[in-house]
Amino acid sequence: MTGLRSRAADPSGQRLGPGSGRRPTGKDKYPNPTETEAIIMGIRTGLIGYGLSGSVFHAPLIAAEEGLQLTGVVTSQTDKVREDYENVDVYEDVEALLGSGVELVVVASPNTLHYEHAKSAILAGKHVVVEKPFTNTVREAEELIQLARDKGVLLSVFHNRRWDNDFLTVRQVLDSGTIGRISVYEAHYDRYSPEVEVETRWRDQPLPGSGILYDLGAHLIDQAVQVLGSPDSIWADLRLDREEAETVDYFHLVLAYPQSRAILRAGTLVRQAGPRFMVHGDLGSYIKYGLDPQEDQLKAGLRPGDADWGADKEECYGELTTAVGDLTMRTKIDTLPGSYQEYYRGIAEAISGGGKPPVRAEEALEVIRLIEAAHRSARERRVIDLSPVPGEAAQID
């Protein structure tokens, strides 16, 4: 790749396309490039799957990144793709996409197919991004990592919630040292969703990789490991909470560290949510309510660069509590803007420049290792020791 990045422009001099500040309409919507323009527009990218993650997250964020060019989608929803991106090719199967000249393949198929589709793309010599969860088992993840090394291709996992506005702010607060040494890091991702839709939602079906621990738990675990590192042990309470549930829809995890604990929880029967984050240290506490808005913004058609992208509501700003002598100080902390676009920006730069991706596959492997350990803990009703075996590395490569 030449590293050149450009967008077509209209007669007024404005850029067209996502992130340009003007929504493309009619015939100017994602115009077909010439061969030279294709080189300028970025890395040819194919998307497998056009469900929620494919259509709401991946396609818009790929299209918003000037270093990438969305050229093809594997899906049966041809009309939906045409409505969103009229000049993007639609393929009936993965093999056709792999033979179309794409350089990067994004796997956004159901969890049961992540391993199969990622393996096919790697063996075809493509760079690969996999929607979380990476795979359903540690063995599958380890195999894909080794295959990618053997083929010399990039392999990354879409842990986009590292760029949630609230998590970015949590990290800023912790990095400042204001609350001191972390004693308890607590994160919730609760919602009220009492209906079980086994017939229409694969996530509610008793399949490998289904359930809330693989879905939302993967995000919370990844965030906790980013803050505290790999835990020494894990304890888990996993439940089928709703009356007709066929897969895990509630979890409570405790990740143990030498001087701290991470408490992670998500449920589907929480009518009134509590704090999203509660972080307590030996010098203070930080409490944050509300959810990052980027998912809802993407569903509403907003894109990175639009007004208020990733911005928090002032009433949801977190509160920092510290003390000066006998005086308790409470301060509202402005929430940093969320920035999901940074993930694909990092992917484009890693491919074109040969650097590390924004999320390394080895980091995503650690998430799967902890999910497997959580299932074992719940099954055996005990704490699972995760201390490294003597002679093995204690940290992620």
Protein backbone atom coordinates (compact mmCIF):
# COMPACT_ATOMS: atom_id res chain seq x y z
CA MET A 1 0.00 0.00 0.00
CA THR A 2 1.13 3.51 -0.77
CA GLY A 3 -0.40 4.99 2.36
CA LEU A 4 -2.23 7.65 0.29
CA ARG A 5 -5.66 8.45 1.65
CA SER A 6 -8.31 10.46 -0.11
CA ARG A 7 -12.04 10.78 -0.71
CA ALA A 8 -13.95 11.82 -3.79
CA ALA A 9 -15.11 15.43 -3.60
CA ASP A 10 -18.24 17.15 -4.86
CA PRO A 11 -18.12 20.45 -6.85
CA SER A 12 -18.29 22.46 -3.63
CA GLY A 13 -15.02 20.89 -2.51
CA GLN A 14 -16.65 18.83 0.27
CA ARG A 15 -15.60 15.23 0.82
CA LEU A 16 -18.24 12.59 0.28
CA GLY A 17 -18.89 9.56 2.45
CA PRO A 18 -18.94 8.76 6.17
CA GLY A 19 -17.05 11.13 8.39
CA SER A 20 -17.03 13.85 5.72
CA GLY A 21 -19.51 16.10 7.50
CA ARG A 22 -22.07 15.65 4.68
CA ARG A 23 -24.22 12.58 4.12
CA PRO A 24 -23.84 11.15 0.60
CA THR A 25 -27.15 10.88 -1.23
CA GLY A 26 -28.39 9.51 -4.53
CA LYS A 27 -25.76 8.64 -7.12
CA ASP A 28 -22.88 10.11 -5.10
CA LYS A 29 -23.33 7.52 -2.33
CA TYR A 30 -20.11 5.48 -2.10
CA PRO A 31 -19.20 5.89 -5.82
CA ASN A 32 -17.46 3.09 -7.73
CA PRO A 33 -13.73 3.86 -7.86
CA THR A 34 -11.42 3.42 -10.80
CA GLU A 35 -8.42 1.11 -10.25
CA THR A 36 -6.22 4.10 -9.35
CA GLU A 37 -8.87 5.49 -7.02
CA ALA A 38 -9.18 2.09 -5.35
CA ILE A 39 -5.49 2.21 -4.45
CA ILE A 40 -5.89 5.72 -3.10
CA MET A 41 -9.08 4.90 -1.17
CA GLY A 42 -7.45 2.18 0.89
CA ILE A 43 -7.16 -1.48 1.73
CA ARG A 44 -9.79 -3.61 0.00
CA THR A 45 -11.95 -4.99 2.80
CA GLY A 46 -14.55 -7.75 2.77
CA LEU A 47 -17.17 -8.33 5.45
CA ILE A 48 -18.64 -11.73 6.37
CA GLY A 49 -22.09 -11.26 7.87
CA TYR A 50 -24.55 -8.37 7.82
CA GLY A 51 -26.52 -8.86 11.01
CA LEU A 52 -26.37 -6.48 13.97
CA SER A 53 -22.58 -6.40 14.32
CA GLY A 54 -21.92 -6.37 10.58
CA SER A 55 -24.44 -3.73 9.56
CA VAL A 56 -24.44 -1.49 12.64
CA PHE A 57 -20.80 -1.60 13.73
CA HIS A 58 -18.37 -2.96 11.16
CA ALA A 59 -19.65 -1.68 7.81
CA PRO A 60 -20.12 1.96 8.93
CA LEU A 61 -16.80 2.06 10.78
CA ILE A 62 -14.93 0.49 7.86
CA ALA A 63 -16.55 2.97 5.46
CA ALA A 64 -15.62 5.85 7.78
CA GLU A 65 -11.93 4.92 7.76
CA GLU A 66 -10.07 6.51 4.84
CA GLY A 67 -7.39 3.82 4.97
CA LEU A 68 -9.94 1.10 4.18
CA GLN A 69 -12.35 0.47 1.31
CA LEU A 70 -15.41 -1.74 1.86
CA THR A 71 -15.67 -3.73 -1.38
CA GLY A 72 -17.74 -6.83 -0.60
CA VAL A 73 -20.15 -8.42 1.87
CA VAL A 74 -21.14 -12.06 2.34
CA THR A 75 -24.83 -12.14 3.23
CA SER A 76 -28.25 -13.23 2.04
CA GLN A 77 -29.54 -9.69 2.72
CA THR A 78 -28.61 -8.27 -0.68
CA ASP A 79 -31.29 -5.57 -0.65
CA LYS A 80 -30.20 -4.28 2.75
CA VAL A 81 -26.57 -3.97 1.63
CA ARG A 82 -27.61 -2.25 -1.62
CA GLU A 83 -29.70 0.24 0.34
CA ASP A 84 -26.76 1.12 2.58
CA TYR A 85 -23.84 0.83 0.11
CA GLU A 86 -25.17 0.62 -3.43
CA ASN A 87 -21.83 -0.12 -5.10
CA VAL A 88 -20.51 -2.75 -2.69
CA ASP A 89 -20.51 -6.28 -4.10
CA VAL A 90 -22.60 -8.96 -2.38
CA TYR A 91 -21.47 -12.59 -2.29
CA GLU A 92 -23.40 -15.74 -1.46
CA ASP A 93 -20.48 -17.56 0.13
CA VAL A 94 -17.14 -16.95 1.81
CA GLU A 95 -15.11 -18.59 -0.96
CA ALA A 96 -16.37 -16.06 -3.50
CA LEU A 97 -15.35 -13.17 -1.25
CA LEU A 98 -11.90 -14.65 -0.67
CA GLY A 99 -11.40 -14.88 -4.42
CA SER A 100 -12.45 -11.28 -5.07
CA GLY A 101 -9.11 -9.61 -4.37
CA VAL A 102 -9.82 -8.41 -0.84
CA GLU A 103 -6.81 -7.87 1.43
CA LEU A 104 -8.62 -7.69 4.77
CA VAL A 105 -11.52 -9.92 5.87
CA VAL A 106 -13.78 -8.98 8.78
CA VAL A 107 -15.62 -11.91 10.37
CA ALA A 108 -18.99 -10.75 11.74
CA SER A 109 -20.86 -14.04 11.41
CA PRO A 110 -22.55 -15.81 14.37
CA ASN A 111 -20.17 -16.94 17.12
CA THR A 112 -20.38 -20.59 16.07
CA LEU A 113 -18.74 -19.66 12.74
CA HIS A 114 -15.96 -17.32 13.91
CA TYR A 115 -13.28 -20.01 13.98
CA GLU A 116 -14.27 -21.57 10.65
CA HIS A 117 -14.48 -18.28 8.75
CA ALA A 118 -11.33 -16.80 10.28
CA LYS A 119 -9.37 -19.96 9.50
CA SER A 120 -10.51 -19.94 5.86
CA ALA A 121 -9.48 -16.30 5.47
CA ILE A 122 -6.07 -16.81 7.10
CA LEU A 123 -5.33 -19.85 4.95
CA ALA A 124 -6.20 -17.71 1.91
CA GLY A 125 -3.49 -15.25 2.99
CA LYS A 126 -5.85 -12.48 4.13
CA HIS A 127 -5.48 -10.17 7.10
CA VAL A 128 -8.34 -10.90 9.51
CA VAL A 129 -10.46 -9.04 12.05
CA VAL A 130 -12.85 -11.17 14.12
CA GLU A 131 -15.89 -9.84 15.95
CA LYS A 132 -15.74 -10.70 19.66
CA PRO A 133 -15.79 -13.25 21.12
CA PHE A 134 -12.65 -14.32 19.26
CA THR A 135 -13.57 -18.02 19.29
CA ASN A 136 -15.58 -20.38 21.48
CA THR A 137 -12.56 -22.23 22.90
CA VAL A 138 -8.95 -21.59 23.84
CA ARG A 139 -7.83 -24.37 21.50
CA GLU A 140 -9.47 -22.67 18.51
CA ALA A 141 -7.95 -19.30 19.40
CA GLU A 142 -4.46 -20.75 19.81
CA GLU A 143 -4.71 -22.49 16.44
CA LEU A 144 -5.75 -19.29 14.64
CA ILE A 145 -2.92 -17.32 16.25
CA GLN A 146 -0.36 -19.88 15.11
CA LEU A 147 -1.84 -20.01 11.59
CA ALA A 148 -1.66 -16.22 11.31
CA ARG A 149 1.98 -16.28 12.39
CA ASP A 150 2.78 -19.00 9.85
CA LYS A 151 1.05 -17.06 7.06
CA GLY A 152 2.49 -13.70 8.08
CA VAL A 153 -0.92 -11.99 8.24
CA LEU A 154 -2.49 -9.65 10.78
CA LEU A 155 -5.05 -11.15 13.17
CA SER A 156 -7.06 -8.94 15.51
CA VAL A 157 -10.33 -9.05 17.47
CA PHE A 158 -12.93 -6.27 17.60
CA HIS A 159 -12.91 -5.39 21.31
CA ASN A 160 -14.37 -1.99 20.49
CA ARG A 161 -15.46 -1.15 24.01
CA ARG A 162 -11.91 -0.21 24.90
CA TRP A 163 -12.98 3.00 23.14
CA ASP A 164 -16.24 3.52 25.08
CA ASN A 165 -16.36 7.05 26.45
CA ASP A 166 -16.82 5.85 30.03
CA PHE A 167 -13.95 3.35 29.90
CA LEU A 168 -11.61 5.90 28.35
CA THR A 169 -12.48 8.21 31.23
CA VAL A 170 -11.96 5.47 33.83
CA ARG A 171 -8.48 4.90 32.44
CA GLN A 172 -7.74 8.63 32.51
CA VAL A 173 -8.80 8.85 36.16
CA LEU A 174 -6.71 5.81 37.09
CA ASP A 175 -3.69 7.05 35.15
CA SER A 176 -3.86 10.36 37.02
CA GLY A 177 -3.28 8.54 40.32
CA THR A 178 -6.08 10.51 41.97
CA ILE A 179 -7.74 7.50 43.61
CA GLY A 180 -4.45 5.79 44.43
CA ARG A 181 -4.00 2.02 44.46
CA ILE A 182 -7.09 0.20 43.19
CA SER A 183 -8.88 -1.83 45.84
CA VAL A 184 -12.10 -2.70 43.98
CA TYR A 185 -12.84 -2.28 40.27
CA GLU A 186 -16.52 -2.98 39.59
CA ALA A 187 -18.20 -2.87 36.17
CA HIS A 188 -21.81 -3.69 35.28
CA TYR A 189 -23.55 -4.07 31.95
CA ASP A 190 -27.16 -4.59 33.02
CA ARG A 191 -30.31 -4.28 30.94
CA TYR A 192 -34.00 -5.17 31.06
CA SER A 193 -34.77 -7.74 28.38
CA PRO A 194 -37.31 -10.21 29.83
CA GLU A 195 -38.30 -11.81 26.53
CA VAL A 196 -36.40 -14.89 25.34
CA GLU A 197 -36.35 -15.16 21.55
CA VAL A 198 -34.98 -18.63 20.85
CA GLU A 199 -36.63 -18.83 17.43
CA THR A 200 -35.22 -15.57 16.07
CA ARG A 201 -32.05 -14.76 18.06
CA TRP A 202 -29.13 -17.19 17.85
CA ARG A 203 -27.67 -15.61 21.00
CA ASP A 204 -30.64 -17.04 22.95
CA GLN A 205 -30.15 -20.53 21.51
CA PRO A 206 -28.14 -23.18 23.42
CA LEU A 207 -25.21 -23.11 21.00
CA PRO A 208 -21.44 -22.87 21.53
CA GLY A 209 -20.55 -19.22 22.15
CA SER A 210 -24.10 -18.15 22.97
CA GLY A 211 -25.25 -16.40 26.11
CA ILE A 212 -24.45 -13.17 27.89
CA LEU A 213 -21.00 -14.20 29.16
CA TYR A 214 -19.63 -14.62 25.63
CA ASP A 215 -21.55 -11.52 24.48
CA LEU A 216 -21.25 -8.76 27.10
CA GLY A 217 -18.89 -10.64 29.39
CA ALA A 218 -16.18 -10.63 26.74
CA HIS A 219 -16.23 -6.82 26.83
CA LEU A 220 -16.15 -6.51 30.62
CA ILE A 221 -13.37 -9.08 30.98
CA ASP A 222 -11.27 -7.40 28.29
CA GLN A 223 -11.67 -4.01 29.97
CA ALA A 224 -10.75 -5.40 33.40
CA VAL A 225 -7.62 -7.10 32.05
CA GLN A 226 -6.62 -3.85 30.34
CA VAL A 227 -6.77 -2.10 33.73
CA LEU A 228 -5.49 -4.78 36.11
CA GLY A 229 -3.81 -7.44 33.98
CA SER A 230 -4.44 -11.18 34.15
CA PRO A 231 -5.98 -12.32 37.46
CA ASP A 232 -4.61 -14.92 39.86
CA SER A 233 -8.00 -16.64 40.21
CA ILE A 234 -11.62 -16.38 39.14
CA TRP A 235 -14.97 -17.20 40.74
CA ALA A 236 -18.21 -17.20 38.75
CA ASP A 237 -21.94 -17.39 39.31
CA LEU A 238 -23.68 -18.12 35.98
CA ARG A 239 -27.45 -18.44 35.77
CA LEU A 240 -30.36 -18.93 33.43
CA ASP A 241 -32.38 -16.16 35.06
CA ARG A 242 -35.40 -15.74 32.77
CA GLU A 243 -38.07 -18.43 32.93
CA GLU A 244 -37.64 -19.63 29.34
CA ALA A 245 -33.90 -19.02 29.05
CA GLU A 246 -31.85 -21.77 27.39
CA THR A 247 -28.45 -20.13 27.77
CA VAL A 248 -26.66 -18.04 30.39
CA ASP A 249 -28.37 -14.66 30.81
CA TYR A 250 -26.79 -13.54 34.11
CA PHE A 251 -23.23 -13.60 35.37
CA HIS A 252 -21.33 -12.38 38.39
CA LEU A 253 -17.55 -12.74 38.23
CA VAL A 254 -14.86 -12.01 40.79
CA LEU A 255 -11.32 -11.72 39.42
CA ALA A 256 -8.73 -11.83 42.20
CA TYR A 257 -5.42 -9.95 42.24
CA PRO A 258 -2.82 -9.69 45.02
CA GLN A 259 -4.18 -6.39 46.39
CA SER A 260 -7.42 -5.83 44.49
CA ARG A 261 -10.57 -7.39 43.10
CA ALA A 262 -12.48 -6.92 39.85
CA ILE A 263 -16.22 -7.53 40.12
CA LEU A 264 -17.99 -7.91 36.77
CA ARG A 265 -21.72 -8.39 36.40
CA ALA A 266 -24.43 -8.37 33.75
CA GLY A 267 -28.07 -9.36 33.87
CA THR A 268 -31.19 -9.24 31.73
CA LEU A 269 -33.74 -8.49 34.46
CA VAL A 270 -32.48 -5.15 35.72
CA ARG A 271 -35.24 -2.58 35.30
CA GLN A 272 -33.29 0.25 36.95
CA ALA A 273 -29.57 0.11 36.28
CA GLY A 274 -27.01 1.09 38.88
CA PRO A 275 -23.58 2.55 38.15
CA ARG A 276 -21.74 1.38 35.04
CA PHE A 277 -18.40 1.71 36.85
CA MET A 278 -17.43 1.90 40.52
CA VAL A 279 -13.69 2.10 41.16
CA HIS A 280 -12.41 2.45 44.71
CA GLY A 281 -8.82 3.12 45.71
CA ASP A 282 -6.91 3.97 48.87
CA LEU A 283 -7.17 7.69 48.05
CA GLY A 284 -10.64 8.02 46.53
CA SER A 285 -13.50 6.66 44.44
CA TYR A 286 -14.88 7.20 40.94
CA ILE A 287 -18.53 6.39 40.16
CA LYS A 288 -19.99 6.56 36.65
CA TYR A 289 -23.59 6.05 35.48
CA GLY A 290 -24.94 5.65 31.95
CA LEU A 291 -23.82 3.83 28.80
CA ASP A 292 -21.59 4.92 25.96
CA PRO A 293 -23.81 6.34 23.14
CA GLN A 294 -21.91 5.12 20.08
CA GLU A 295 -24.00 1.99 19.44
CA ASP A 296 -27.22 4.00 19.52
CA GLN A 297 -25.63 6.70 17.36
CA LEU A 298 -24.59 4.15 14.74
CA LYS A 299 -28.11 2.68 14.73
CA ALA A 300 -29.46 6.21 14.17
CA GLY A 301 -27.18 6.75 11.17
CA LEU A 302 -24.55 8.96 12.80
CA ARG A 303 -20.91 8.43 11.91
CA PRO A 304 -17.51 9.38 13.36
CA GLY A 305 -16.93 13.07 12.72
CA ASP A 306 -20.59 14.00 13.10
CA ALA A 307 -21.58 16.51 15.76
CA ASP A 308 -21.61 15.05 19.30
CA TRP A 309 -20.15 11.73 18.13
CA GLY A 310 -19.31 9.70 21.25
CA ALA A 311 -20.24 12.59 23.55
CA ASP A 312 -21.75 11.96 26.96
CA LYS A 313 -24.70 13.72 28.54
CA GLU A 314 -23.59 16.12 31.25
CA GLU A 315 -25.96 14.52 33.74
CA CYS A 316 -24.08 11.23 33.24
CA TYR A 317 -20.64 12.64 34.03
CA GLY A 318 -18.89 10.54 36.64
CA GLU A 319 -18.14 11.75 40.16
CA LEU A 320 -14.70 11.61 41.74
CA THR A 321 -14.60 11.59 45.54
CA THR A 322 -11.33 12.32 47.34
CA ALA A 323 -10.28 13.88 50.63
CA VAL A 324 -7.99 16.70 51.69
CA GLY A 325 -7.41 16.29 55.41
CA ASP A 326 -10.86 16.03 56.97
CA LEU A 327 -12.50 17.67 53.96
CA THR A 328 -14.30 15.43 51.44
CA MET A 329 -14.05 16.66 47.86
CA ARG A 330 -16.60 15.64 45.19
CA THR A 331 -15.82 16.61 41.61
CA LYS A 332 -17.70 15.97 38.38
CA ILE A 333 -15.35 14.60 35.73
CA ASP A 334 -16.08 15.45 32.10
CA THR A 335 -16.43 12.24 30.11
CA LEU A 336 -13.97 11.85 27.26
CA PRO A 337 -15.60 11.33 23.84
CA GLY A 338 -15.94 7.74 22.69
CA SER A 339 -13.96 6.80 19.62
CA TYR A 340 -14.75 3.41 18.03
CA GLN A 341 -13.18 4.74 14.82
CA GLU A 342 -9.76 4.38 16.44
CA TYR A 343 -9.97 0.61 16.11
CA TYR A 344 -10.16 0.52 12.31
CA ARG A 345 -7.75 3.43 12.04
CA GLY A 346 -5.28 1.28 13.95
CA ILE A 347 -6.00 -1.73 11.73
CA ALA A 348 -5.35 0.28 8.55
CA GLU A 349 -2.11 1.67 9.96
CA ALA A 350 -0.93 -1.75 11.15
CA ILE A 351 -1.49 -3.33 7.73
CA SER A 352 0.00 -0.49 5.71
CA GLY A 353 2.87 0.17 8.13
CA GLY A 354 3.54 -3.31 9.48
CA GLY A 355 2.94 -2.38 13.13
CA LYS A 356 0.90 -4.03 15.87
CA PRO A 357 -2.92 -3.97 15.65
CA PRO A 358 -4.94 -2.03 18.24
CA VAL A 359 -6.12 -5.33 19.78
CA ARG A 360 -3.71 -8.23 19.59
CA ALA A 361 -5.07 -11.75 19.13
CA GLU A 362 -3.11 -12.87 22.20
CA GLU A 363 -5.10 -10.39 24.31
CA ALA A 364 -8.37 -11.78 22.96
CA LEU A 365 -7.13 -15.31 23.72
CA GLU A 366 -6.81 -14.28 27.38
CA VAL A 367 -10.50 -13.28 27.36
CA ILE A 368 -11.51 -16.72 26.08
CA ARG A 369 -9.27 -18.37 28.68
CA LEU A 370 -11.10 -16.47 31.42
CA ILE A 371 -14.53 -17.28 29.97
CA GLU A 372 -13.64 -20.99 29.96
CA ALA A 373 -12.39 -20.69 33.55
CA ALA A 374 -15.62 -18.91 34.57
CA HIS A 375 -17.72 -21.75 33.17
CA ARG A 376 -15.57 -24.25 35.05
CA SER A 377 -15.93 -22.25 38.27
CA ALA A 378 -19.72 -22.16 37.98
CA ARG A 379 -19.89 -25.84 37.07
CA GLU A 380 -17.63 -26.97 39.93
CA ARG A 381 -18.82 -24.28 42.37
CA ARG A 382 -15.34 -23.22 43.37
CA VAL A 383 -12.62 -20.66 42.80
CA ILE A 384 -10.37 -21.52 39.84
CA ASP A 385 -6.66 -20.90 40.34
CA LEU A 386 -5.13 -19.21 37.30
CA SER A 387 -1.57 -18.92 38.58
CA PRO A 388 0.92 -19.69 35.81
CA VAL A 389 2.59 -23.07 35.78
CA PRO A 390 6.29 -22.77 36.73
CA GLY A 391 8.32 -22.16 33.61
CA GLU A 392 5.41 -20.58 31.71
CA ALA A 393 5.05 -16.85 31.08
CA ALA A 394 2.76 -15.08 33.52
CA GLN A 395 1.93 -12.29 31.09
CA ILE A 396 0.31 -12.20 27.68
CA ASP A 397 2.86 -12.34 24.88
